[in-house]
């Protein structure tokens, strides 16, 4: 499954990429929500590229933050099948509720363990239960 890792931290993108690549996911990286939307527009909406099945999205990024990205994806009918998971330092209950209400499927608070990501992916039905990091 094609997965987008969207985070302005190169180190965090590498960590998340490593986790999902070990599970067999193909990964495309973006440094912010606008970069991710540009990729989707060029390769999916205006092209014939594969629609990512999953996006791991940071909240706090320049240009287009994660919440804006989630809202933009949900507004595009061809992208509505994407599973969106916030992976962020935002830990207030109100922020979690906002993200889920905007269309995110799951929410992981940084710092996290690889198992926390895998557990959420299992909860979403994207990896079998019991897969270890």
C-alpha atoms as a PDB file:
ATOM      1  CA  UNK A   1       0.000   0.000   0.000  1.00  0.00           C
ATOM      2  CA  UNK A   2       1.269   3.466  -0.865  1.00  0.00           C
ATOM      3  CA  UNK A   3       1.667   5.616   2.249  1.00  0.00           C
ATOM      4  CA  UNK A   4       2.355   9.323   2.598  1.00  0.00           C
ATOM      5  CA  UNK A   5       4.478  10.497   5.515  1.00  0.00           C
ATOM      6  CA  UNK A   6       3.859  14.222   5.950  1.00  0.00           C
ATOM      7  CA  UNK A   7       5.986  16.026   8.530  1.00  0.00           C
ATOM      8  CA  UNK A   8       8.246  19.066   8.435  1.00  0.00           C
ATOM      9  CA  UNK A   9      10.895  17.180  10.412  1.00  0.00           C
ATOM     10  CA  UNK A  10      13.132  15.092   8.164  1.00  0.00           C
ATOM     11  CA  UNK A  11      14.100  12.944  11.170  1.00  0.00           C
ATOM     12  CA  UNK A  12      10.444  12.215  11.992  1.00  0.00           C
ATOM     13  CA  UNK A  13       9.727  11.341   8.352  1.00  0.00           C
ATOM     14  CA  UNK A  14      12.644   8.905   8.448  1.00  0.00           C
ATOM     15  CA  UNK A  15      11.392   7.284  11.673  1.00  0.00           C
ATOM     16  CA  UNK A  16       7.837   6.880  10.370  1.00  0.00           C
ATOM     17  CA  UNK A  17       9.044   5.738   6.945  1.00  0.00           C
ATOM     18  CA  UNK A  18      11.207   3.063   8.561  1.00  0.00           C
ATOM     19  CA  UNK A  19       8.282   1.769  10.657  1.00  0.00           C
ATOM     20  CA  UNK A  20       5.818   1.458   7.780  1.00  0.00           C
ATOM     21  CA  UNK A  21       8.406   0.272   5.236  1.00  0.00           C
ATOM     22  CA  UNK A  22       9.210  -2.660   7.543  1.00  0.00           C
ATOM     23  CA  UNK A  23       5.520  -3.548   7.312  1.00  0.00           C
ATOM     24  CA  UNK A  24       5.737  -3.642   3.517  1.00  0.00           C
ATOM     25  CA  UNK A  25       4.276  -0.209   2.747  1.00  0.00           C
ATOM     26  CA  UNK A  26       5.661   1.924  -0.080  1.00  0.00           C
ATOM     27  CA  UNK A  27       6.346   5.464   1.137  1.00  0.00           C
ATOM     28  CA  UNK A  28       6.157   8.937  -0.356  1.00  0.00           C
ATOM     29  CA  UNK A  29       7.362  11.808   1.819  1.00  0.00           C
ATOM     30  CA  UNK A  30       6.229  15.422   2.027  1.00  0.00           C
ATOM     31  CA  UNK A  31       7.570  18.239   4.208  1.00  0.00           C
ATOM     32  CA  UNK A  32       4.190  19.900   4.722  1.00  0.00           C
ATOM     33  CA  UNK A  33       0.545  19.636   3.760  1.00  0.00           C
ATOM     34  CA  UNK A  34       0.909  21.817   0.663  1.00  0.00           C
ATOM     35  CA  UNK A  35       3.737  19.659  -0.659  1.00  0.00           C
ATOM     36  CA  UNK A  36       1.555  16.601  -0.060  1.00  0.00           C
ATOM     37  CA  UNK A  37      -1.435  18.173  -1.833  1.00  0.00           C
ATOM     38  CA  UNK A  38       0.804  19.167  -4.758  1.00  0.00           C
ATOM     39  CA  UNK A  39       1.942  15.534  -5.012  1.00  0.00           C
ATOM     40  CA  UNK A  40      -1.666  14.300  -4.928  1.00  0.00           C
ATOM     41  CA  UNK A  41      -2.771  16.842  -7.530  1.00  0.00           C
ATOM     42  CA  UNK A  42       0.086  16.047  -9.927  1.00  0.00           C
ATOM     43  CA  UNK A  43       0.213  12.277  -9.501  1.00  0.00           C
ATOM     44  CA  UNK A  44      -3.364  11.317  -8.664  1.00  0.00           C
ATOM     45  CA  UNK A  45      -5.916  13.996  -9.495  1.00  0.00           C
ATOM     46  CA  UNK A  46      -4.265  15.181 -12.744  1.00  0.00           C
ATOM     47  CA  UNK A  47      -2.458  11.920 -13.453  1.00  0.00           C
ATOM     48  CA  UNK A  48      -3.022   8.208 -13.169  1.00  0.00           C
ATOM     49  CA  UNK A  49      -0.857   7.518 -10.138  1.00  0.00           C
ATOM     50  CA  UNK A  50      -1.841   5.334  -7.221  1.00  0.00           C
ATOM     51  CA  UNK A  51      -4.006   6.927  -4.557  1.00  0.00           C
ATOM     52  CA  UNK A  52      -2.216   6.536  -1.232  1.00  0.00           C
ATOM     53  CA  UNK A  53      -4.128   4.242   1.083  1.00  0.00           C
ATOM     54  CA  UNK A  54      -2.673   5.866   4.187  1.00  0.00           C
ATOM     55  CA  UNK A  55      -1.257   9.225   5.239  1.00  0.00           C
ATOM     56  CA  UNK A  56       0.592   9.810   8.509  1.00  0.00           C
ATOM     57  CA  UNK A  57       0.186  13.528   9.112  1.00  0.00           C
ATOM     58  CA  UNK A  58       1.862  15.949  11.511  1.00  0.00           C
ATOM     59  CA  UNK A  59      -0.274  18.858  12.720  1.00  0.00           C
ATOM     60  CA  UNK A  60       2.232  21.703  13.088  1.00  0.00           C
ATOM     61  CA  UNK A  61       3.834  22.415   9.719  1.00  0.00           C
ATOM     62  CA  UNK A  62       4.476  25.523   7.613  1.00  0.00           C
ATOM     63  CA  UNK A  63       2.430  26.455   4.529  1.00  0.00           C
ATOM     64  CA  UNK A  64      -0.415  23.980   5.142  1.00  0.00           C
ATOM     65  CA  UNK A  65      -0.766  22.324   8.522  1.00  0.00           C
ATOM     66  CA  UNK A  66      -2.024  18.810   9.108  1.00  0.00           C
ATOM     67  CA  UNK A  67      -5.571  19.802   9.967  1.00  0.00           C
ATOM     68  CA  UNK A  68      -5.795  21.850   6.757  1.00  0.00           C
ATOM     69  CA  UNK A  69      -4.434  18.854   4.830  1.00  0.00           C
ATOM     70  CA  UNK A  70      -7.035  16.515   6.346  1.00  0.00           C
ATOM     71  CA  UNK A  71      -9.792  18.991   5.461  1.00  0.00           C
ATOM     72  CA  UNK A  72      -8.481  19.379   1.886  1.00  0.00           C
ATOM     73  CA  UNK A  73      -8.293  15.609   1.356  1.00  0.00           C
ATOM     74  CA  UNK A  74     -11.808  15.111   2.705  1.00  0.00           C
ATOM     75  CA  UNK A  75     -13.093  17.815   0.323  1.00  0.00           C
ATOM     76  CA  UNK A  76     -11.766  15.920  -2.710  1.00  0.00           C
ATOM     77  CA  UNK A  77     -14.110  13.049  -3.678  1.00  0.00           C
ATOM     78  CA  UNK A  78     -11.357  10.946  -5.325  1.00  0.00           C
ATOM     79  CA  UNK A  79      -9.252  11.059  -2.145  1.00  0.00           C
ATOM     80  CA  UNK A  80     -11.955  10.258   0.399  1.00  0.00           C
ATOM     81  CA  UNK A  81     -10.851   6.632   0.632  1.00  0.00           C
ATOM     82  CA  UNK A  82      -7.478   7.597   2.109  1.00  0.00           C
ATOM     83  CA  UNK A  83      -6.955   6.595   5.724  1.00  0.00           C
ATOM     84  CA  UNK A  84      -5.599   9.595   7.612  1.00  0.00           C
ATOM     85  CA  UNK A  85      -3.723   9.283  10.898  1.00  0.00           C
ATOM     86  CA  UNK A  86      -2.479  12.313  12.794  1.00  0.00           C
ATOM     87  CA  UNK A  87       0.956  11.830  14.375  1.00  0.00           C
ATOM     88  CA  UNK A  88       1.582  14.971  16.394  1.00  0.00           C
ATOM     89  CA  UNK A  89       2.615  16.616  19.644  1.00  0.00           C
ATOM     90  CA  UNK A  90      -0.845  18.177  19.970  1.00  0.00           C
ATOM     91  CA  UNK A  91      -2.223  16.376  23.013  1.00  0.00           C
ATOM     92  CA  UNK A  92      -5.187  18.471  24.164  1.00  0.00           C
ATOM     93  CA  UNK A  93      -8.491  16.614  24.019  1.00  0.00           C
ATOM     94  CA  UNK A  94     -10.060  19.468  22.038  1.00  0.00           C
ATOM     95  CA  UNK A  95      -7.375  19.151  19.339  1.00  0.00           C
ATOM     96  CA  UNK A  96      -7.890  15.405  19.089  1.00  0.00           C
ATOM     97  CA  UNK A  97     -11.644  15.926  18.736  1.00  0.00           C
ATOM     98  CA  UNK A  98     -11.076  18.599  16.041  1.00  0.00           C
ATOM     99  CA  UNK A  99      -8.820  16.308  14.032  1.00  0.00           C
ATOM    100  CA  UNK A 100     -11.201  13.361  14.220  1.00  0.00           C
ATOM    101  CA  UNK A 101     -14.193  15.562  13.419  1.00  0.00           C
ATOM    102  CA  UNK A 102     -12.330  16.910  10.372  1.00  0.00           C
ATOM    103  CA  UNK A 103     -11.847  13.415   8.994  1.00  0.00           C
ATOM    104  CA  UNK A 104      -8.770  11.867  10.603  1.00  0.00           C
ATOM    105  CA  UNK A 105      -9.290   8.196  11.418  1.00  0.00           C
ATOM    106  CA  UNK A 106      -6.761   7.895  14.240  1.00  0.00           C
ATOM    107  CA  UNK A 107      -4.485  10.018  16.370  1.00  0.00           C
ATOM    108  CA  UNK A 108      -1.036   9.259  17.815  1.00  0.00           C
ATOM    109  CA  UNK A 109       0.694  11.655  20.190  1.00  0.00           C
ATOM    110  CA  UNK A 110       4.459  12.183  19.891  1.00  0.00           C
ATOM    111  CA  UNK A 111       6.666  10.798  21.261  1.00  0.00           C
ATOM    112  CA  UNK A 112       5.490   7.320  20.297  1.00  0.00           C
ATOM    113  CA  UNK A 113       6.896   3.834  20.027  1.00  0.00           C
ATOM    114  CA  UNK A 114       6.891   1.837  16.798  1.00  0.00           C
ATOM    115  CA  UNK A 115       4.389  -0.493  18.476  1.00  0.00           C
ATOM    116  CA  UNK A 116       2.006   2.429  19.044  1.00  0.00           C
ATOM    117  CA  UNK A 117       1.978   3.135  15.290  1.00  0.00           C
ATOM    118  CA  UNK A 118       1.584  -0.558  14.460  1.00  0.00           C
ATOM    119  CA  UNK A 119      -1.245  -0.939  16.999  1.00  0.00           C
ATOM    120  CA  UNK A 120      -3.137   1.960  15.411  1.00  0.00           C
ATOM    121  CA  UNK A 121      -2.588   0.505  11.929  1.00  0.00           C
ATOM    122  CA  UNK A 122      -3.915  -2.846  13.202  1.00  0.00           C
ATOM    123  CA  UNK A 123      -6.930  -1.072  14.714  1.00  0.00           C
ATOM    124  CA  UNK A 124      -7.568   0.444  11.283  1.00  0.00           C
ATOM    125  CA  UNK A 125      -7.291  -2.993   9.667  1.00  0.00           C
ATOM    126  CA  UNK A 126      -4.163  -2.070   7.694  1.00  0.00           C
ATOM    127  CA  UNK A 127      -1.848  -4.637   9.321  1.00  0.00           C
ATOM    128  CA  UNK A 128      -2.645  -7.928  11.047  1.00  0.00           C
ATOM    129  CA  UNK A 129      -2.959  -7.877  14.826  1.00  0.00           C
ATOM    130  CA  UNK A 130       0.134  -9.141  16.590  1.00  0.00           C
ATOM    131  CA  UNK A 131       2.638  -7.739  14.080  1.00  0.00           C
ATOM    132  CA  UNK A 132       5.716  -6.571  15.991  1.00  0.00           C
ATOM    133  CA  UNK A 133       7.995  -3.652  15.213  1.00  0.00           C
END
